[in-house]
Each structure stands twice: as structure tokens, then as C-alpha cells.
Amino acid sequence: MSLINYVWEEEKFYTRKELISDKDRLLIKDDIIKEIKNNSYDNNDSKYQTYPDLHERLGGDHWNNLKTEVNNLVNSLGNYNLFRCWGNYINCDSEYFLHTHGTALAVVYYVENPHEQYGTYIKKNNKEIIIMGYENSIQVFNSNLQHEIVFPPKEILIKQPRISIAFDYEKEKNKD
């Protein structure tokens, strides 16, 4: 599927749907659930988040396929290096907040989402937008924009969690 791009408040956004095979997506979902259950990052700010080193620790064809697709898309936009990567598992007990990442680009991969309206909320210049969170799609945007997860209602989260993976990219430094 082709890259969809648009501009809002002088910021560029990129979307790509149907990123990887459904088989790979489901294997990644299982890995994130295992990570949350057995190796969850407890930073007292965000519940149900993995450590930010998934790109270094988790392997297999399904992870390699995801990383290749994300890296290819990001590198089509410029010279960037993957800095960190973590999973978010949103359920009724999750807590997240408006934040920035302090890197060049943020990428959100929607592994499982009850509905695309539960994407990513972004705020700039007292204006707001919600980027749709299509399952098996990615969103790329400036990580210094204030953003947060759009929470599904508890009635929905009881039946199906919202699972995503965040990737942070830094601008590649000039090689002298």
C-alpha cells in the first residue's frame, strides 16, 4: 500500500496501511503480551509498557519484517537512525498522558485496535487533531509534538485491548 501524507499546522504526517502480513502482526501481538506479562517496564508514569529496547532484544522473521518496513519508510523521508522501541498495552488500568519524545520522529505501529478512532491525539498551538489508528498501520510524525494515546472506553477495553508499538528515530549525524 502506498504512503499517505498530509500537513497540519505546518507539521508533516505520514500513514501507511497494511504494513506487514496478518500472521506477522499476530506473532508480534503475542510477543508484546508476553513482554507486558513477564518483563513490564514500571516507571510509575505509564502502566503496561515494555522496556524501550524491543528492537534490540526481540527477533524472528516477524520482528525483522516489521523493522524492515518501518526503517524503509522512515529512511524514505531522510537519514534517520532507530533510537528506541517499546510496546504499549492499553487496558482499563492503563495510564498515559500528553507528552513529547525529544527525538526527530515518532512512529506508532497499531498492532491491535478496537476501532481506528482510537489513534493518537496531537495538540499544537491550542489546536487538536486525532490521527486515525488503523490496525496494522503506522503513523510517522515529529516526536516533539505533544501527543498521547486516544483511550477506548472501558466497556470496549474489557473486550479488546489497544496494542501499539512506538519507535523513536533520531536524525543521522553527519559523518566527517
C-alpha atoms as a PDB file:
ATOM      1  CA  MET A   1       0.000   0.000   0.000  1.00  0.00           C
ATOM      2  CA  SER A   2       1.225   3.485  -0.763  1.00  0.00           C
ATOM      3  CA  LEU A   3       2.246   6.178   1.657  1.00  0.00           C
ATOM      4  CA  ILE A   4      -0.417   8.719   2.613  1.00  0.00           C
ATOM      5  CA  ASN A   5       0.946  12.079   3.661  1.00  0.00           C
ATOM      6  CA  TYR A   6      -0.613  15.327   4.796  1.00  0.00           C
ATOM      7  CA  VAL A   7       0.237  18.585   6.561  1.00  0.00           C
ATOM      8  CA  TRP A   8      -1.471  20.029   9.635  1.00  0.00           C
ATOM      9  CA  GLU A   9      -0.254  23.158  11.450  1.00  0.00           C
ATOM     10  CA  GLU A  10       2.861  23.117   9.233  1.00  0.00           C
ATOM     11  CA  GLU A  11       3.724  19.613  10.510  1.00  0.00           C
ATOM     12  CA  LYS A  12       4.110  16.644   8.191  1.00  0.00           C
ATOM     13  CA  PHE A  13       2.346  13.358   8.912  1.00  0.00           C
ATOM     14  CA  TYR A  14       2.715  10.045   7.120  1.00  0.00           C
ATOM     15  CA  THR A  15       0.489   6.973   7.196  1.00  0.00           C
ATOM     16  CA  ARG A  16       0.933   3.556   5.681  1.00  0.00           C
ATOM     17  CA  LYS A  17      -1.738   0.883   5.974  1.00  0.00           C
ATOM     18  CA  GLU A  18      -1.366  -2.899   5.689  1.00  0.00           C
ATOM     19  CA  LEU A  19       2.249  -2.744   6.778  1.00  0.00           C
ATOM     20  CA  ILE A  20       3.018  -6.443   7.360  1.00  0.00           C
ATOM     21  CA  SER A  21       1.254  -9.783   6.986  1.00  0.00           C
ATOM     22  CA  ASP A  22      -1.507 -10.617   9.437  1.00  0.00           C
ATOM     23  CA  LYS A  23       0.482 -13.674  10.528  1.00  0.00           C
ATOM     24  CA  ASP A  24       3.451 -11.454  11.491  1.00  0.00           C
ATOM     25  CA  ARG A  25       1.145  -8.936  13.212  1.00  0.00           C
ATOM     26  CA  LEU A  26      -0.412 -11.654  15.377  1.00  0.00           C
ATOM     27  CA  LEU A  27       3.005 -13.063  16.342  1.00  0.00           C
ATOM     28  CA  ILE A  28       4.119  -9.563  17.344  1.00  0.00           C
ATOM     29  CA  LYS A  29       0.916  -9.141  19.351  1.00  0.00           C
ATOM     30  CA  ASP A  30       1.704 -12.359  21.244  1.00  0.00           C
ATOM     31  CA  ASP A  31       5.260 -11.136  21.914  1.00  0.00           C
ATOM     32  CA  ILE A  32       4.027  -7.791  23.289  1.00  0.00           C
ATOM     33  CA  ILE A  33       1.532  -9.541  25.577  1.00  0.00           C
ATOM     34  CA  LYS A  34       4.331 -11.816  26.874  1.00  0.00           C
ATOM     35  CA  GLU A  35       6.603  -8.809  27.414  1.00  0.00           C
ATOM     36  CA  ILE A  36       3.902  -6.942  29.330  1.00  0.00           C
ATOM     37  CA  LYS A  37       3.169 -10.001  31.447  1.00  0.00           C
ATOM     38  CA  ASN A  38       6.775 -11.037  32.158  1.00  0.00           C
ATOM     39  CA  ASN A  39       9.028  -8.042  31.558  1.00  0.00           C
ATOM     40  CA  SER A  40       6.959  -4.880  32.012  1.00  0.00           C
ATOM     41  CA  TYR A  41       8.606  -1.517  32.497  1.00  0.00           C
ATOM     42  CA  ASP A  42       7.336   0.092  35.698  1.00  0.00           C
ATOM     43  CA  ASN A  43       8.178   3.768  35.546  1.00  0.00           C
ATOM     44  CA  ASN A  44       5.155   4.876  37.616  1.00  0.00           C
ATOM     45  CA  ASP A  45       4.051   7.106  34.724  1.00  0.00           C
ATOM     46  CA  SER A  46       2.735   4.630  32.171  1.00  0.00           C
ATOM     47  CA  LYS A  47       1.251   1.286  33.112  1.00  0.00           C
ATOM     48  CA  TYR A  48       1.598  -1.674  30.763  1.00  0.00           C
ATOM     49  CA  GLN A  49       4.577  -0.518  28.764  1.00  0.00           C
ATOM     50  CA  THR A  50       7.587  -2.638  27.771  1.00  0.00           C
ATOM     51  CA  TYR A  51      11.208  -1.634  28.096  1.00  0.00           C
ATOM     52  CA  PRO A  52      12.319   0.638  25.218  1.00  0.00           C
ATOM     53  CA  ASP A  53      14.722  -1.886  23.697  1.00  0.00           C
ATOM     54  CA  LEU A  54      12.403  -4.230  21.813  1.00  0.00           C
ATOM     55  CA  HIS A  55      14.240  -3.534  18.551  1.00  0.00           C
ATOM     56  CA  GLU A  56      17.431  -4.929  20.103  1.00  0.00           C
ATOM     57  CA  ARG A  57      16.023  -7.854  22.097  1.00  0.00           C
ATOM     58  CA  LEU A  58      13.196  -9.359  20.061  1.00  0.00           C
ATOM     59  CA  GLY A  59      13.885 -11.176  16.831  1.00  0.00           C
ATOM     60  CA  GLY A  60      12.480 -13.647  14.392  1.00  0.00           C
ATOM     61  CA  ASP A  61      11.172 -13.115  10.900  1.00  0.00           C
ATOM     62  CA  HIS A  62       8.056 -11.292  12.122  1.00  0.00           C
ATOM     63  CA  TRP A  63      10.094  -8.663  14.015  1.00  0.00           C
ATOM     64  CA  ASN A  64      12.627  -8.372  11.203  1.00  0.00           C
ATOM     65  CA  ASN A  65       9.805  -7.821   8.711  1.00  0.00           C
ATOM     66  CA  LEU A  66       8.285  -5.080  10.892  1.00  0.00           C
ATOM     67  CA  LYS A  67      11.621  -3.333  11.486  1.00  0.00           C
ATOM     68  CA  THR A  68      12.492  -3.502   7.772  1.00  0.00           C
ATOM     69  CA  GLU A  69       9.159  -1.977   6.720  1.00  0.00           C
ATOM     70  CA  VAL A  70       9.349   0.786   9.341  1.00  0.00           C
ATOM     71  CA  ASN A  71      13.014   1.562   8.604  1.00  0.00           C
ATOM     72  CA  ASN A  72      12.407   1.642   4.850  1.00  0.00           C
ATOM     73  CA  LEU A  73       9.530   4.068   5.242  1.00  0.00           C
ATOM     74  CA  VAL A  74      11.382   6.332   7.680  1.00  0.00           C
ATOM     75  CA  ASN A  75      14.540   6.328   5.562  1.00  0.00           C
ATOM     76  CA  SER A  76      12.482   7.332   2.513  1.00  0.00           C
ATOM     77  CA  LEU A  77      11.860  10.578   4.452  1.00  0.00           C
ATOM     78  CA  GLY A  78      15.535  11.280   5.265  1.00  0.00           C
ATOM     79  CA  ASN A  79      18.527   9.888   7.090  1.00  0.00           C
ATOM     80  CA  TYR A  80      17.402   8.618  10.486  1.00  0.00           C
ATOM     81  CA  ASN A  81      18.568   6.015  12.990  1.00  0.00           C
ATOM     82  CA  LEU A  82      16.299   3.937  15.195  1.00  0.00           C
ATOM     83  CA  PHE A  83      16.913   5.045  18.781  1.00  0.00           C
ATOM     84  CA  ARG A  84      14.368   3.116  20.863  1.00  0.00           C
ATOM     85  CA  CYS A  85      11.270   0.977  20.527  1.00  0.00           C
ATOM     86  CA  TRP A  86       8.646  -0.152  23.056  1.00  0.00           C
ATOM     87  CA  GLY A  87       5.188  -1.657  23.250  1.00  0.00           C
ATOM     88  CA  ASN A  88       2.045  -0.257  24.880  1.00  0.00           C
ATOM     89  CA  TYR A  89      -0.808  -2.426  26.084  1.00  0.00           C
ATOM     90  CA  ILE A  90      -3.877  -0.314  26.809  1.00  0.00           C
ATOM     91  CA  ASN A  91      -6.494  -1.812  29.097  1.00  0.00           C
ATOM     92  CA  CYS A  92      -8.844  -0.474  31.776  1.00  0.00           C
ATOM     93  CA  ASP A  93      -5.970   0.133  34.220  1.00  0.00           C
ATOM     94  CA  SER A  94      -3.651   1.941  31.808  1.00  0.00           C
ATOM     95  CA  GLU A  95      -2.477   5.475  32.457  1.00  0.00           C
ATOM     96  CA  TYR A  96      -0.889   7.654  29.784  1.00  0.00           C
ATOM     97  CA  PHE A  97      -0.620  11.406  29.350  1.00  0.00           C
ATOM     98  CA  LEU A  98       0.226  14.208  26.916  1.00  0.00           C
ATOM     99  CA  HIS A  99       3.964  14.052  26.232  1.00  0.00           C
ATOM    100  CA  THR A 100       6.809  14.517  23.727  1.00  0.00           C
ATOM    101  CA  HIS A 101       9.753  12.236  22.985  1.00  0.00           C
ATOM    102  CA  GLY A 102      12.613  14.659  22.259  1.00  0.00           C
ATOM    103  CA  THR A 103      13.791  12.834  19.134  1.00  0.00           C
ATOM    104  CA  ALA A 104      13.311  13.684  15.464  1.00  0.00           C
ATOM    105  CA  LEU A 105      10.487  11.317  14.503  1.00  0.00           C
ATOM    106  CA  ALA A 106       7.907   9.232  16.324  1.00  0.00           C
ATOM    107  CA  VAL A 107       6.391   6.179  14.685  1.00  0.00           C
ATOM    108  CA  VAL A 108       3.323   4.405  16.028  1.00  0.00           C
ATOM    109  CA  TYR A 109       2.521   0.927  14.763  1.00  0.00           C
ATOM    110  CA  TYR A 110      -1.034  -0.139  15.626  1.00  0.00           C
ATOM    111  CA  VAL A 111      -0.798  -3.864  16.346  1.00  0.00           C
ATOM    112  CA  GLU A 112      -4.387  -4.249  17.574  1.00  0.00           C
ATOM    113  CA  ASN A 113      -7.007  -1.553  17.900  1.00  0.00           C
ATOM    114  CA  PRO A 114     -10.720  -1.945  18.695  1.00  0.00           C
ATOM    115  CA  HIS A 115     -11.509   0.878  16.241  1.00  0.00           C
ATOM    116  CA  GLU A 116      -9.430   3.265  14.159  1.00  0.00           C
ATOM    117  CA  GLN A 117     -10.843   6.301  16.018  1.00  0.00           C
ATOM    118  CA  TYR A 118      -8.629   5.277  18.985  1.00  0.00           C
ATOM    119  CA  GLY A 119      -5.460   6.525  17.363  1.00  0.00           C
ATOM    120  CA  THR A 120      -3.131   9.288  18.513  1.00  0.00           C
ATOM    121  CA  TYR A 121      -4.209  12.682  19.870  1.00  0.00           C
ATOM    122  CA  ILE A 122      -1.944  15.617  18.943  1.00  0.00           C
ATOM    123  CA  LYS A 123      -2.020  19.194  20.210  1.00  0.00           C
ATOM    124  CA  LYS A 124      -0.249  22.238  18.762  1.00  0.00           C
ATOM    125  CA  ASN A 125      -0.971  25.983  19.032  1.00  0.00           C
ATOM    126  CA  ASN A 126      -4.135  25.284  21.061  1.00  0.00           C
ATOM    127  CA  LYS A 127      -5.425  23.195  18.151  1.00  0.00           C
ATOM    128  CA  GLU A 128      -6.125  19.476  18.304  1.00  0.00           C
ATOM    129  CA  ILE A 129      -6.222  16.594  15.897  1.00  0.00           C
ATOM    130  CA  ILE A 130      -6.664  12.840  16.204  1.00  0.00           C
ATOM    131  CA  ILE A 131      -4.705  10.658  13.813  1.00  0.00           C
ATOM    132  CA  MET A 132      -6.677   7.534  12.988  1.00  0.00           C
ATOM    133  CA  GLY A 133      -5.131   4.337  14.326  1.00  0.00           C
ATOM    134  CA  TYR A 134      -5.812   1.748  11.655  1.00  0.00           C
ATOM    135  CA  GLU A 135      -4.837  -1.746  12.750  1.00  0.00           C
ATOM    136  CA  ASN A 136      -1.636  -2.904  11.006  1.00  0.00           C
ATOM    137  CA  SER A 137      -0.734   0.655  10.009  1.00  0.00           C
ATOM    138  CA  ILE A 138       1.922   3.135  11.035  1.00  0.00           C
ATOM    139  CA  GLN A 139       1.882   6.848  11.670  1.00  0.00           C
ATOM    140  CA  VAL A 140       5.042   8.965  11.422  1.00  0.00           C
ATOM    141  CA  PHE A 141       5.246  12.483  12.871  1.00  0.00           C
ATOM    142  CA  ASN A 142       7.510  14.948  14.674  1.00  0.00           C
ATOM    143  CA  SER A 143       8.103  13.437  18.115  1.00  0.00           C
ATOM    144  CA  ASN A 144       8.338  16.905  19.672  1.00  0.00           C
ATOM    145  CA  LEU A 145       4.627  17.454  19.101  1.00  0.00           C
ATOM    146  CA  GLN A 146       2.564  16.963  22.241  1.00  0.00           C
ATOM    147  CA  HIS A 147       0.688  13.696  21.809  1.00  0.00           C
ATOM    148  CA  GLU A 148      -0.984  10.873  23.679  1.00  0.00           C
ATOM    149  CA  ILE A 149      -2.950   7.694  23.178  1.00  0.00           C
ATOM    150  CA  VAL A 150      -6.666   8.008  22.444  1.00  0.00           C
ATOM    151  CA  PHE A 151      -8.265   5.725  25.045  1.00  0.00           C
ATOM    152  CA  PRO A 152     -11.134   3.461  24.098  1.00  0.00           C
ATOM    153  CA  PRO A 153     -13.963   3.379  26.658  1.00  0.00           C
ATOM    154  CA  LYS A 154     -13.624   0.794  29.437  1.00  0.00           C
ATOM    155  CA  GLU A 155     -16.575  -1.172  28.016  1.00  0.00           C
ATOM    156  CA  ILE A 156     -14.538  -1.723  24.852  1.00  0.00           C
ATOM    157  CA  LEU A 157     -11.201  -2.314  26.586  1.00  0.00           C
ATOM    158  CA  ILE A 158     -12.723  -5.117  28.659  1.00  0.00           C
ATOM    159  CA  LYS A 159     -13.295  -7.000  25.401  1.00  0.00           C
ATOM    160  CA  GLN A 160     -10.200  -5.951  23.433  1.00  0.00           C
ATOM    161  CA  PRO A 161      -7.031  -4.064  24.428  1.00  0.00           C
ATOM    162  CA  ARG A 162      -5.359  -1.448  22.253  1.00  0.00           C
ATOM    163  CA  ILE A 163      -1.815  -2.622  21.499  1.00  0.00           C
ATOM    164  CA  SER A 164       0.756  -0.447  19.781  1.00  0.00           C
ATOM    165  CA  ILE A 165       4.490  -0.194  19.294  1.00  0.00           C
ATOM    166  CA  ALA A 166       6.332   3.117  19.413  1.00  0.00           C
ATOM    167  CA  PHE A 167       9.594   3.727  17.554  1.00  0.00           C
ATOM    168  CA  ASP A 168      11.743   6.820  18.097  1.00  0.00           C
ATOM    169  CA  TYR A 169      14.169   7.923  15.394  1.00  0.00           C
ATOM    170  CA  GLU A 170      16.999  10.411  15.655  1.00  0.00           C
ATOM    171  CA  LYS A 171      18.411  12.380  12.750  1.00  0.00           C
ATOM    172  CA  GLU A 172      21.570  10.679  11.474  1.00  0.00           C
ATOM    173  CA  LYS A 173      24.652  12.660  12.419  1.00  0.00           C
ATOM    174  CA  ASN A 174      26.952  13.849   9.639  1.00  0.00           C
ATOM    175  CA  LYS A 175      29.955  11.623   9.144  1.00  0.00           C
ATOM    176  CA  ASP A 176      33.097  13.746   8.929  1.00  0.00           C
END
